[in-house]
């Protein structure tokens, strides 16, 4: 639990807590090809994670 003092510090320092789902990989189905971490195009079943700005994809084996 975050106290009011911590919330003020987070706002002053512009720190944002990421949601719990942003830290884990999700199995996702991609119909439109996307760029993976390595720069290759991936489609079909992929792993997907949010890094705070963008979605990151990697191929599911």
N, C-alpha and C. Protein backbone atom coordinates (compact mmCIF):
# COMPACT_ATOMS: atom_id res chain seq x y z
N UNK A 1 0.84 -1.18 0.00
CA UNK A 1 0.00 0.00 0.00
C UNK A 1 0.89 1.25 0.00
N UNK A 2 0.53 2.23 -0.78
CA UNK A 2 1.30 3.47 -0.88
C UNK A 2 0.65 4.53 0.00
N UNK A 3 1.48 5.15 0.82
CA UNK A 3 0.96 6.22 1.68
C UNK A 3 0.90 7.51 0.90
N UNK A 4 0.23 8.50 1.46
CA UNK A 4 0.08 9.80 0.79
C UNK A 4 1.43 10.46 0.59
N UNK A 5 2.36 10.30 1.55
CA UNK A 5 3.69 10.90 1.41
C UNK A 5 4.44 10.32 0.21
N UNK A 6 4.35 9.01 0.04
CA UNK A 6 5.02 8.38 -1.10
C UNK A 6 4.41 8.84 -2.41
N UNK A 7 3.09 9.00 -2.44
CA UNK A 7 2.44 9.46 -3.66
C UNK A 7 2.94 10.85 -4.04
N UNK A 8 3.14 11.71 -3.07
CA UNK A 8 3.65 13.06 -3.34
C UNK A 8 5.05 12.96 -3.91
N UNK A 9 5.89 12.12 -3.33
CA UNK A 9 7.26 11.96 -3.83
C UNK A 9 7.26 11.40 -5.25
N UNK A 10 6.40 10.43 -5.51
CA UNK A 10 6.30 9.87 -6.86
C UNK A 10 5.91 10.96 -7.86
N UNK A 11 4.97 11.81 -7.48
CA UNK A 11 4.54 12.88 -8.38
C UNK A 11 5.65 13.90 -8.60
N UNK A 12 6.36 14.25 -7.54
CA UNK A 12 7.43 15.24 -7.65
C UNK A 12 8.58 14.71 -8.50
N UNK A 13 8.90 13.44 -8.34
CA UNK A 13 10.00 12.84 -9.09
C UNK A 13 9.55 12.28 -10.43
N UNK A 14 8.26 12.35 -10.70
CA UNK A 14 7.66 11.82 -11.92
C UNK A 14 7.90 10.32 -12.08
N UNK A 15 7.89 9.63 -10.97
CA UNK A 15 8.02 8.18 -10.99
C UNK A 15 6.62 7.58 -11.05
N UNK A 16 6.47 6.60 -11.87
CA UNK A 16 5.17 5.94 -12.01
C UNK A 16 5.35 4.46 -11.73
N UNK A 17 4.45 3.92 -10.97
CA UNK A 17 4.47 2.49 -10.76
C UNK A 17 3.85 1.81 -11.96
N UNK A 18 4.55 0.79 -12.46
CA UNK A 18 4.01 0.03 -13.57
C UNK A 18 3.01 -0.98 -13.05
N UNK A 19 1.96 -1.23 -13.82
CA UNK A 19 1.01 -2.26 -13.41
C UNK A 19 1.69 -3.63 -13.37
N UNK A 20 1.18 -4.54 -12.59
CA UNK A 20 1.78 -5.87 -12.44
C UNK A 20 1.82 -6.61 -13.77
N UNK A 21 0.81 -6.44 -14.62
CA UNK A 21 0.77 -7.17 -15.89
C UNK A 21 1.86 -6.69 -16.85
N UNK A 22 2.43 -5.51 -16.64
CA UNK A 22 3.44 -4.99 -17.55
C UNK A 22 4.79 -5.68 -17.38
N UNK A 23 4.99 -6.35 -16.26
CA UNK A 23 6.28 -6.97 -15.98
C UNK A 23 6.37 -8.42 -16.44
N UNK A 24 5.27 -9.00 -16.92
CA UNK A 24 5.30 -10.41 -17.31
C UNK A 24 4.98 -10.55 -18.80
N UNK A 25 5.42 -11.66 -19.37
CA UNK A 25 5.15 -11.94 -20.77
C UNK A 25 3.78 -12.60 -20.89
N UNK A 26 3.03 -12.22 -21.93
CA UNK A 26 1.72 -12.78 -22.22
C UNK A 26 1.79 -13.51 -23.55
N UNK A 27 1.13 -14.65 -23.64
CA UNK A 27 1.03 -15.34 -24.92
C UNK A 27 -0.07 -14.66 -25.72
N UNK A 28 0.23 -14.27 -26.95
CA UNK A 28 -0.65 -13.44 -27.74
C UNK A 28 -0.68 -13.97 -29.16
N UNK A 29 -1.78 -13.77 -29.87
CA UNK A 29 -1.86 -14.16 -31.28
C UNK A 29 -1.85 -12.90 -32.12
N UNK A 30 -0.88 -12.79 -33.03
CA UNK A 30 -0.70 -11.60 -33.86
C UNK A 30 -1.05 -11.94 -35.30
N UNK A 31 -2.00 -11.21 -35.89
CA UNK A 31 -2.36 -11.43 -37.29
C UNK A 31 -1.58 -10.50 -38.21
N UNK A 32 -1.33 -9.29 -37.77
CA UNK A 32 -0.52 -8.34 -38.54
C UNK A 32 0.91 -8.46 -38.04
N UNK A 33 1.88 -8.77 -38.91
CA UNK A 33 3.26 -8.97 -38.46
C UNK A 33 3.80 -7.78 -37.67
N UNK A 34 4.54 -8.09 -36.63
CA UNK A 34 5.16 -7.09 -35.76
C UNK A 34 6.66 -7.33 -35.70
N UNK A 35 7.42 -6.30 -35.34
CA UNK A 35 8.86 -6.45 -35.17
C UNK A 35 9.16 -7.05 -33.81
N UNK A 36 10.06 -8.02 -33.79
CA UNK A 36 10.44 -8.64 -32.53
C UNK A 36 11.60 -7.87 -31.90
N UNK A 37 12.07 -8.35 -30.77
CA UNK A 37 13.21 -7.74 -30.10
C UNK A 37 14.43 -7.72 -31.02
N UNK A 38 14.60 -8.78 -31.80
CA UNK A 38 15.76 -8.90 -32.68
C UNK A 38 15.58 -8.16 -34.00
N UNK A 39 14.40 -7.61 -34.25
CA UNK A 39 14.16 -6.87 -35.47
C UNK A 39 13.48 -7.66 -36.57
N UNK A 40 13.27 -8.94 -36.34
CA UNK A 40 12.60 -9.77 -37.34
C UNK A 40 11.09 -9.63 -37.22
N UNK A 41 10.39 -9.95 -38.29
CA UNK A 41 8.92 -9.92 -38.26
C UNK A 41 8.41 -11.20 -37.62
N UNK A 42 7.46 -11.06 -36.72
CA UNK A 42 6.84 -12.23 -36.10
C UNK A 42 5.34 -12.15 -36.30
N UNK A 43 4.71 -13.32 -36.40
CA UNK A 43 3.25 -13.40 -36.50
C UNK A 43 2.82 -14.73 -35.91
N UNK A 44 1.53 -14.88 -35.73
CA UNK A 44 1.02 -16.09 -35.09
C UNK A 44 1.15 -15.98 -33.58
N UNK A 45 1.53 -17.07 -32.92
CA UNK A 45 1.69 -17.05 -31.47
C UNK A 45 3.01 -16.37 -31.11
N UNK A 46 2.92 -15.34 -30.30
CA UNK A 46 4.10 -14.60 -29.85
C UNK A 46 3.98 -14.29 -28.37
N UNK A 47 5.12 -14.02 -27.75
CA UNK A 47 5.14 -13.50 -26.38
C UNK A 47 5.13 -12.00 -26.47
N UNK A 48 4.35 -11.35 -25.60
CA UNK A 48 4.21 -9.90 -25.66
C UNK A 48 4.32 -9.32 -24.24
N UNK A 49 5.07 -8.21 -24.12
CA UNK A 49 5.24 -7.55 -22.82
C UNK A 49 5.33 -6.05 -23.07
N UNK A 50 4.84 -5.27 -22.14
CA UNK A 50 4.89 -3.81 -22.26
C UNK A 50 6.07 -3.30 -21.46
N UNK A 51 6.91 -2.45 -22.07
CA UNK A 51 8.10 -1.95 -21.38
C UNK A 51 7.90 -0.55 -20.80
N UNK A 52 6.67 -0.07 -20.79
CA UNK A 52 6.39 1.27 -20.28
C UNK A 52 6.11 2.25 -21.40
N UNK A 53 6.61 1.97 -22.59
CA UNK A 53 6.36 2.83 -23.76
C UNK A 53 5.77 2.05 -24.92
N UNK A 54 6.32 0.87 -25.18
CA UNK A 54 5.93 0.08 -26.35
C UNK A 54 5.67 -1.36 -25.95
N UNK A 55 5.01 -2.06 -26.85
CA UNK A 55 4.87 -3.50 -26.70
C UNK A 55 6.10 -4.15 -27.31
N UNK A 56 6.66 -5.13 -26.61
CA UNK A 56 7.82 -5.89 -27.07
C UNK A 56 7.31 -7.28 -27.43
N UNK A 57 7.75 -7.79 -28.57
CA UNK A 57 7.31 -9.11 -29.03
C UNK A 57 8.51 -10.03 -29.18
N UNK A 58 8.31 -11.31 -28.90
CA UNK A 58 9.31 -12.32 -29.23
C UNK A 58 8.58 -13.59 -29.64
N UNK A 59 9.22 -14.34 -30.52
CA UNK A 59 8.59 -15.50 -31.12
C UNK A 59 8.34 -16.60 -30.09
N UNK A 60 7.18 -17.22 -30.19
CA UNK A 60 6.83 -18.37 -29.35
C UNK A 60 7.27 -19.62 -30.09
N UNK A 61 7.98 -20.51 -29.41
CA UNK A 61 8.48 -21.73 -30.07
C UNK A 61 7.49 -22.83 -30.03
